[in-house]
PDB file of all heavy atoms in Angstrom:
ATOM      1  N   GLU A   1       0.821  -1.218   0.000  1.00  0.00           N
ATOM      2  CA  GLU A   1       0.000   0.000   0.000  1.00  0.00           C
ATOM      3  C   GLU A   1       0.851   1.263   0.000  1.00  0.00           C
ATOM      4  O   GLU A   1       0.457   2.292  -0.555  1.00  0.00           O
ATOM      5  CB  GLU A   1      -0.959  -0.024   1.187  1.00  0.00           C
ATOM      6  CG  GLU A   1      -2.054  -1.087   1.034  1.00  0.00           C
ATOM      7  CD  GLU A   1      -3.023  -1.107   2.205  1.00  0.00           C
ATOM      8  OE1 GLU A   1      -3.830  -0.167   2.319  1.00  0.00           O
ATOM      9  OE2 GLU A   1      -2.965  -2.070   3.004  1.00  0.00           O
ATOM     10  N   LEU A   2       2.014   1.187   0.617  1.00  0.00           N
ATOM     11  CA  LEU A   2       2.897   2.355   0.647  1.00  0.00           C
ATOM     12  C   LEU A   2       3.583   2.608  -0.690  1.00  0.00           C
ATOM     13  O   LEU A   2       4.112   3.694  -0.930  1.00  0.00           O
ATOM     14  CB  LEU A   2       3.952   2.197   1.745  1.00  0.00           C
ATOM     15  CG  LEU A   2       3.445   2.202   3.193  1.00  0.00           C
ATOM     16  CD1 LEU A   2       4.609   2.093   4.167  1.00  0.00           C
ATOM     17  CD2 LEU A   2       2.608   3.448   3.493  1.00  0.00           C
ATOM     18  N   THR A   3       3.602   1.596  -1.566  1.00  0.00           N
ATOM     19  CA  THR A   3       4.210   1.790  -2.886  1.00  0.00           C
ATOM     20  C   THR A   3       3.289   2.547  -3.831  1.00  0.00           C
ATOM     21  O   THR A   3       3.734   3.055  -4.864  1.00  0.00           O
ATOM     22  CB  THR A   3       4.564   0.435  -3.549  1.00  0.00           C
ATOM     23  OG1 THR A   3       3.353  -0.312  -3.766  1.00  0.00           O
ATOM     24  CG2 THR A   3       5.531  -0.373  -2.704  1.00  0.00           C
ATOM     25  N   ARG A   4       2.017   2.636  -3.497  1.00  0.00           N
ATOM     26  CA  ARG A   4       1.060   3.279  -4.398  1.00  0.00           C
ATOM     27  C   ARG A   4       1.343   4.772  -4.510  1.00  0.00           C
ATOM     28  O   ARG A   4       1.549   5.464  -3.508  1.00  0.00           O
ATOM     29  CB  ARG A   4      -0.368   3.053  -3.907  1.00  0.00           C
ATOM     30  CG  ARG A   4      -0.775   1.582  -3.926  1.00  0.00           C
ATOM     31  CD  ARG A   4      -2.121   1.372  -3.269  1.00  0.00           C
ATOM     32  NE  ARG A   4      -2.468  -0.047  -3.241  1.00  0.00           N
ATOM     33  CZ  ARG A   4      -3.457  -0.558  -2.513  1.00  0.00           C
ATOM     34  NH1 ARG A   4      -4.213   0.240  -1.762  1.00  0.00           N
ATOM     35  NH2 ARG A   4      -3.702  -1.856  -2.543  1.00  0.00           N
ATOM     36  N   THR A   5       1.310   5.266  -5.702  1.00  0.00           N
ATOM     37  CA  THR A   5       1.556   6.696  -5.907  1.00  0.00           C
ATOM     38  C   THR A   5       0.462   7.548  -5.272  1.00  0.00           C
ATOM     39  O   THR A   5       0.654   8.723  -5.006  1.00  0.00           O
ATOM     40  CB  THR A   5       1.648   7.007  -7.411  1.00  0.00           C
ATOM     41  OG1 THR A   5       0.445   6.551  -8.056  1.00  0.00           O
ATOM     42  CG2 THR A   5       2.844   6.312  -8.033  1.00  0.00           C
ATOM     43  N   SER A   6      -0.693   6.931  -5.029  1.00  0.00           N
ATOM     44  CA  SER A   6      -1.816   7.664  -4.433  1.00  0.00           C
ATOM     45  C   SER A   6      -1.681   7.806  -2.916  1.00  0.00           C
ATOM     46  O   SER A   6      -2.465   8.529  -2.292  1.00  0.00           O
ATOM     47  CB  SER A   6      -3.132   6.956  -4.755  1.00  0.00           C
ATOM     48  OG  SER A   6      -3.126   5.633  -4.238  1.00  0.00           O
ATOM     49  N   HIS A   7      -0.696   7.104  -2.319  1.00  0.00           N
ATOM     50  CA  HIS A   7      -0.573   7.165  -0.858  1.00  0.00           C
ATOM     51  C   HIS A   7      -0.189   8.570  -0.409  1.00  0.00           C
ATOM     52  O   HIS A   7       0.785   9.157  -0.895  1.00  0.00           O
ATOM     53  CB  HIS A   7       0.470   6.178  -0.354  1.00  0.00           C
ATOM     54  CG  HIS A   7       0.672   6.256   1.138  1.00  0.00           C
ATOM     55  ND1 HIS A   7      -0.306   5.873   2.036  1.00  0.00           N
ATOM     56  CD2 HIS A   7       1.716   6.710   1.882  1.00  0.00           C
ATOM     57  CE1 HIS A   7       0.129   6.064   3.269  1.00  0.00           C
ATOM     58  NE2 HIS A   7       1.349   6.579   3.205  1.00  0.00           N
ATOM     59  N   ARG A   8      -0.953   9.108   0.507  1.00  0.00           N
ATOM     60  CA  ARG A   8      -0.681  10.430   1.073  1.00  0.00           C
ATOM     61  C   ARG A   8      -0.049  10.250   2.446  1.00  0.00           C
ATOM     62  O   ARG A   8      -0.636   9.618   3.331  1.00  0.00           O
ATOM     63  CB  ARG A   8      -1.979  11.231   1.178  1.00  0.00           C
ATOM     64  CG  ARG A   8      -1.805  12.615   1.772  1.00  0.00           C
ATOM     65  CD  ARG A   8      -3.033  13.474   1.530  1.00  0.00           C
ATOM     66  NE  ARG A   8      -4.245  12.842   2.020  1.00  0.00           N
ATOM     67  CZ  ARG A   8      -4.695  12.951   3.274  1.00  0.00           C
ATOM     68  NH1 ARG A   8      -4.007  13.648   4.167  1.00  0.00           N
ATOM     69  NH2 ARG A   8      -5.818  12.366   3.640  1.00  0.00           N
ATOM     70  N   VAL A   9       1.120  10.806   2.641  1.00  0.00           N
ATOM     71  CA  VAL A   9       1.856  10.601   3.889  1.00  0.00           C
ATOM     72  C   VAL A   9       1.250  11.451   5.001  1.00  0.00           C
ATOM     73  O   VAL A   9       1.169  12.679   4.905  1.00  0.00           O
ATOM     74  CB  VAL A   9       3.350  10.937   3.722  1.00  0.00           C
ATOM     75  CG1 VAL A   9       4.091  10.656   5.031  1.00  0.00           C
ATOM     76  CG2 VAL A   9       3.944  10.115   2.593  1.00  0.00           C
ATOM     77  N   THR A  10       0.829  10.785   6.053  1.00  0.00           N
ATOM     78  CA  THR A  10       0.314  11.410   7.259  1.00  0.00           C
ATOM     79  C   THR A  10       0.600  10.445   8.391  1.00  0.00           C
ATOM     80  O   THR A  10       0.719   9.241   8.151  1.00  0.00           O
ATOM     81  CB  THR A  10      -1.207  11.698   7.134  1.00  0.00           C
ATOM     82  OG1 THR A  10      -1.663  12.413   8.292  1.00  0.00           O
ATOM     83  CG2 THR A  10      -2.005  10.405   7.007  1.00  0.00           C
ATOM     84  N   PRO A  11       0.785  10.908   9.625  1.00  0.00           N
ATOM     85  CA  PRO A  11       1.140   9.987  10.707  1.00  0.00           C
ATOM     86  C   PRO A  11       0.166   8.814  10.816  1.00  0.00           C
ATOM     87  O   PRO A  11      -1.049   8.991  10.820  1.00  0.00           O
ATOM     88  CB  PRO A  11       1.078  10.877  11.952  1.00  0.00           C
ATOM     89  CG  PRO A  11       1.447  12.233  11.436  1.00  0.00           C
ATOM     90  CD  PRO A  11       0.816  12.317  10.073  1.00  0.00           C
ATOM     91  N   LEU A  12       0.740   7.622  10.871  1.00  0.00           N
ATOM     92  CA  LEU A  12      -0.053   6.396  10.979  1.00  0.00           C
ATOM     93  C   LEU A  12      -0.312   6.095  12.450  1.00  0.00           C
ATOM     94  O   LEU A  12       0.631   5.931  13.237  1.00  0.00           O
ATOM     95  CB  LEU A  12       0.697   5.235  10.331  1.00  0.00           C
ATOM     96  CG  LEU A  12       0.111   3.831  10.516  1.00  0.00           C
ATOM     97  CD1 LEU A  12      -1.266   3.737   9.872  1.00  0.00           C
ATOM     98  CD2 LEU A  12       1.044   2.783   9.931  1.00  0.00           C
ATOM     99  N   ALA A  13      -1.575   6.023  12.840  1.00  0.00           N
ATOM    100  CA  ALA A  13      -1.943   5.667  14.216  1.00  0.00           C
ATOM    101  C   ALA A  13      -2.004   4.151  14.321  1.00  0.00           C
ATOM    102  O   ALA A  13      -2.828   3.516  13.667  1.00  0.00           O
ATOM    103  CB  ALA A  13      -3.282   6.289  14.584  1.00  0.00           C
ATOM    104  N   LEU A  14      -1.125   3.583  15.127  1.00  0.00           N
ATOM    105  CA  LEU A  14      -0.997   2.133  15.212  1.00  0.00           C
ATOM    106  C   LEU A  14      -1.683   1.606  16.466  1.00  0.00           C
ATOM    107  O   LEU A  14      -1.349   1.993  17.583  1.00  0.00           O
ATOM    108  CB  LEU A  14       0.488   1.758  15.229  1.00  0.00           C
ATOM    109  CG  LEU A  14       0.854   0.275  15.196  1.00  0.00           C
ATOM    110  CD1 LEU A  14       0.235  -0.428  14.000  1.00  0.00           C
ATOM    111  CD2 LEU A  14       2.365   0.108  15.188  1.00  0.00           C
ATOM    112  N   GLY A  15      -2.672   0.707  16.267  1.00  0.00           N
ATOM    113  CA  GLY A  15      -3.362   0.103  17.401  1.00  0.00           C
ATOM    114  C   GLY A  15      -4.392   1.022  18.020  1.00  0.00           C
ATOM    115  O   GLY A  15      -4.312   1.356  19.204  1.00  0.00           O
ATOM    116  N   ILE A  16      -5.365   1.462  17.248  1.00  0.00           N
ATOM    117  CA  ILE A  16      -6.386   2.380  17.760  1.00  0.00           C
ATOM    118  C   ILE A  16      -7.615   1.618  18.240  1.00  0.00           C
ATOM    119  O   ILE A  16      -8.061   1.781  19.368  1.00  0.00           O
ATOM    120  CB  ILE A  16      -6.779   3.402  16.680  1.00  0.00           C
ATOM    121  CG1 ILE A  16      -5.567   4.281  16.336  1.00  0.00           C
ATOM    122  CG2 ILE A  16      -7.946   4.260  17.143  1.00  0.00           C
ATOM    123  CD1 ILE A  16      -5.032   5.066  17.518  1.00  0.00           C
ATOM    124  N   ASN A  17      -8.178   0.757  17.398  1.00  0.00           N
ATOM    125  CA  ASN A  17      -9.331  -0.037  17.824  1.00  0.00           C
ATOM    126  C   ASN A  17      -8.946  -1.046  18.900  1.00  0.00           C
ATOM    127  O   ASN A  17      -9.637  -1.202  19.900  1.00  0.00           O
ATOM    128  CB  ASN A  17      -9.951  -0.770  16.628  1.00  0.00           C
ATOM    129  CG  ASN A  17     -11.219  -0.099  16.151  1.00  0.00           C
ATOM    130  OD1 ASN A  17     -11.533   1.012  16.570  1.00  0.00           O
ATOM    131  ND2 ASN A  17     -11.940  -0.758  15.283  1.00  0.00           N
ATOM    132  N   THR A  18      -7.874  -1.779  18.654  1.00  0.00           N
ATOM    133  CA  THR A  18      -7.402  -2.762  19.629  1.00  0.00           C
ATOM    134  C   THR A  18      -5.904  -2.568  19.818  1.00  0.00           C
ATOM    135  O   THR A  18      -5.188  -2.194  18.894  1.00  0.00           O
ATOM    136  CB  THR A  18      -7.698  -4.199  19.166  1.00  0.00           C
ATOM    137  OG1 THR A  18      -7.158  -4.414  17.861  1.00  0.00           O
ATOM    138  CG2 THR A  18      -9.199  -4.448  19.120  1.00  0.00           C
ATOM    139  N   ASP A  19      -5.415  -2.840  21.010  1.00  0.00           N
ATOM    140  CA  ASP A  19      -4.037  -2.539  21.370  1.00  0.00           C
ATOM    141  C   ASP A  19      -3.058  -3.357  20.528  1.00  0.00           C
ATOM    142  O   ASP A  19      -3.108  -4.588  20.504  1.00  0.00           O
ATOM    143  CB  ASP A  19      -3.816  -2.825  22.854  1.00  0.00           C
ATOM    144  CG  ASP A  19      -2.635  -2.069  23.418  1.00  0.00           C
ATOM    145  OD1 ASP A  19      -1.545  -2.138  22.821  1.00  0.00           O
ATOM    146  OD2 ASP A  19      -2.788  -1.423  24.472  1.00  0.00           O
ATOM    147  N   ALA A  20      -2.144  -2.661  19.854  1.00  0.00           N
ATOM    148  CA  ALA A  20      -1.162  -3.338  19.005  1.00  0.00           C
ATOM    149  C   ALA A  20      -0.155  -4.148  19.822  1.00  0.00           C
ATOM    150  O   ALA A  20       0.542  -5.009  19.273  1.00  0.00           O
ATOM    151  CB  ALA A  20      -0.425  -2.307  18.153  1.00  0.00           C
ATOM    152  N   TYR A  21      -0.075  -3.871  21.130  1.00  0.00           N
ATOM    153  CA  TYR A  21       0.868  -4.578  22.000  1.00  0.00           C
ATOM    154  C   TYR A  21       0.157  -5.449  23.033  1.00  0.00           C
ATOM    155  O   TYR A  21       0.681  -5.696  24.117  1.00  0.00           O
ATOM    156  CB  TYR A  21       1.793  -3.581  22.695  1.00  0.00           C
ATOM    157  CG  TYR A  21       2.839  -3.013  21.761  1.00  0.00           C
ATOM    158  CD1 TYR A  21       2.672  -1.758  21.173  1.00  0.00           C
ATOM    159  CD2 TYR A  21       3.972  -3.740  21.444  1.00  0.00           C
ATOM    160  CE1 TYR A  21       3.623  -1.241  20.310  1.00  0.00           C
ATOM    161  CE2 TYR A  21       4.935  -3.238  20.586  1.00  0.00           C
ATOM    162  CZ  TYR A  21       4.759  -1.990  20.021  1.00  0.00           C
ATOM    163  OH  TYR A  21       5.710  -1.495  19.153  1.00  0.00           O
ATOM    164  N   GLN A  22      -1.026  -5.934  22.686  1.00  0.00           N
ATOM    165  CA  GLN A  22      -1.718  -6.851  23.589  1.00  0.00           C
ATOM    166  C   GLN A  22      -0.895  -8.129  23.743  1.00  0.00           C
ATOM    167  O   GLN A  22       0.027  -8.389  22.946  1.00  0.00           O
ATOM    168  CB  GLN A  22      -3.116  -7.146  23.063  1.00  0.00           C
ATOM    169  CG  GLN A  22      -3.161  -7.777  21.686  1.00  0.00           C
ATOM    170  CD  GLN A  22      -4.594  -8.050  21.233  1.00  0.00           C
ATOM    171  OE1 GLN A  22      -5.223  -8.982  21.715  1.00  0.00           O
ATOM    172  NE2 GLN A  22      -5.105  -7.219  20.317  1.00  0.00           N
ATOM    173  N   PRO A  23      -1.180  -8.960  24.758  1.00  0.00           N
ATOM    174  CA  PRO A  23      -0.312 -10.111  25.077  1.00  0.00           C
ATOM    175  C   PRO A  23       0.051 -11.023  23.916  1.00  0.00           C
ATOM    176  O   PRO A  23       1.184 -11.507  23.849  1.00  0.00           O
ATOM    177  CB  PRO A  23      -1.115 -10.859  26.147  1.00  0.00           C
ATOM    178  CG  PRO A  23      -1.874  -9.771  26.852  1.00  0.00           C
ATOM    179  CD  PRO A  23      -2.241  -8.789  25.780  1.00  0.00           C
ATOM    180  N   ILE A  24      -0.859 -11.277  22.962  1.00  0.00           N
ATOM    181  CA  ILE A  24      -0.524 -12.215  21.888  1.00  0.00           C
ATOM    182  C   ILE A  24       0.547 -11.673  20.943  1.00  0.00           C
ATOM    183  O   ILE A  24       1.130 -12.428  20.164  1.00  0.00           O
ATOM    184  CB  ILE A  24      -1.770 -12.645  21.074  1.00  0.00           C
ATOM    185  CG1 ILE A  24      -2.429 -11.447  20.398  1.00  0.00           C
ATOM    186  CG2 ILE A  24      -2.762 -13.390  21.955  1.00  0.00           C
ATOM    187  CD1 ILE A  24      -3.519 -11.839  19.411  1.00  0.00           C
ATOM    188  N   GLU A  25       0.852 -10.368  21.015  1.00  0.00           N
ATOM    189  CA  GLU A  25       1.913  -9.805  20.182  1.00  0.00           C
ATOM    190  C   GLU A  25       3.273 -10.406  20.526  1.00  0.00           C
ATOM    191  O   GLU A  25       4.164 -10.474  19.676  1.00  0.00           O
ATOM    192  CB  GLU A  25       1.940  -8.283  20.334  1.00  0.00           C
ATOM    193  CG  GLU A  25       3.179  -7.570  19.803  1.00  0.00           C
ATOM    194  CD  GLU A  25       3.409  -7.715  18.307  1.00  0.00           C
ATOM    195  OE1 GLU A  25       2.466  -8.109  17.578  1.00  0.00           O
ATOM    196  OE2 GLU A  25       4.543  -7.432  17.860  1.00  0.00           O
ATOM    197  N   ARG A  26       3.443 -10.888  21.755  1.00  0.00           N
ATOM    198  CA  ARG A  26       4.715 -11.512  22.133  1.00  0.00           C
ATOM    199  C   ARG A  26       5.028 -12.690  21.218  1.00  0.00           C
ATOM    200  O   ARG A  26       6.181 -12.920  20.859  1.00  0.00           O
ATOM    201  CB  ARG A  26       4.662 -11.987  23.586  1.00  0.00           C
ATOM    202  CG  ARG A  26       4.537 -10.878  24.597  1.00  0.00           C
ATOM    203  CD  ARG A  26       4.589 -11.410  26.029  1.00  0.00           C
ATOM    204  NE  ARG A  26       4.335 -10.339  26.978  1.00  0.00           N
ATOM    205  CZ  ARG A  26       5.275  -9.495  27.411  1.00  0.00           C
ATOM    206  NH1 ARG A  26       6.515  -9.625  26.975  1.00  0.00           N
ATOM    207  NH2 ARG A  26       4.975  -8.539  28.268  1.00  0.00           N
ATOM    208  N   GLU A  27       4.002 -13.435  20.845  1.00  0.00           N
ATOM    209  CA  GLU A  27       4.198 -14.602  19.997  1.00  0.00           C
ATOM    210  C   GLU A  27       4.090 -14.263  18.510  1.00  0.00           C
ATOM    211  O   GLU A  27       4.909 -14.719  17.702  1.00  0.00           O
ATOM    212  CB  GLU A  27       3.167 -15.676  20.347  1.00  0.00           C
ATOM    213  CG  GLU A  27       3.194 -16.888  19.439  1.00  0.00           C
ATOM    214  CD  GLU A  27       2.088 -17.879  19.725  1.00  0.00           C
ATOM    215  OE1 GLU A  27       1.331 -17.677  20.709  1.00  0.00           O
ATOM    216  OE2 GLU A  27       1.958 -18.858  18.955  1.00  0.00           O
ATOM    217  N   TRP A  28       3.110 -13.438  18.136  1.00  0.00           N
ATOM    218  CA  TRP A  28       2.827 -13.217  16.720  1.00  0.00           C
ATOM    219  C   TRP A  28       3.714 -12.146  16.091  1.00  0.00           C
ATOM    220  O   TRP A  28       3.964 -12.185  14.889  1.00  0.00           O
ATOM    221  CB  TRP A  28       1.346 -12.882  16.538  1.00  0.00           C
ATOM    222  CG  TRP A  28       0.475 -14.056  16.826  1.00  0.00           C
ATOM    223  CD1 TRP A  28       0.009 -14.455  18.048  1.00  0.00           C
ATOM    224  CD2 TRP A  28      -0.007 -15.020  15.889  1.00  0.00           C
ATOM    225  NE1 TRP A  28      -0.740 -15.596  17.936  1.00  0.00           N
ATOM    226  CE2 TRP A  28      -0.774 -15.969  16.613  1.00  0.00           C
ATOM    227  CE3 TRP A  28       0.111 -15.164  14.518  1.00  0.00           C
ATOM    228  CZ2 TRP A  28      -1.402 -17.051  16.014  1.00  0.00           C
ATOM    229  CZ3 TRP A  28      -0.518 -16.239  13.899  1.00  0.00           C
ATOM    230  CH2 TRP A  28      -1.261 -17.169  14.646  1.00  0.00           C
TER     231      TRP A  28
END
């Protein structure tokens, strides 16, 4: 998706709906 010429750069919010660092992230 970042290779697309249509991509507009703006800060990416990571883990908004659900926590990106929840416990299963240790394994996955």
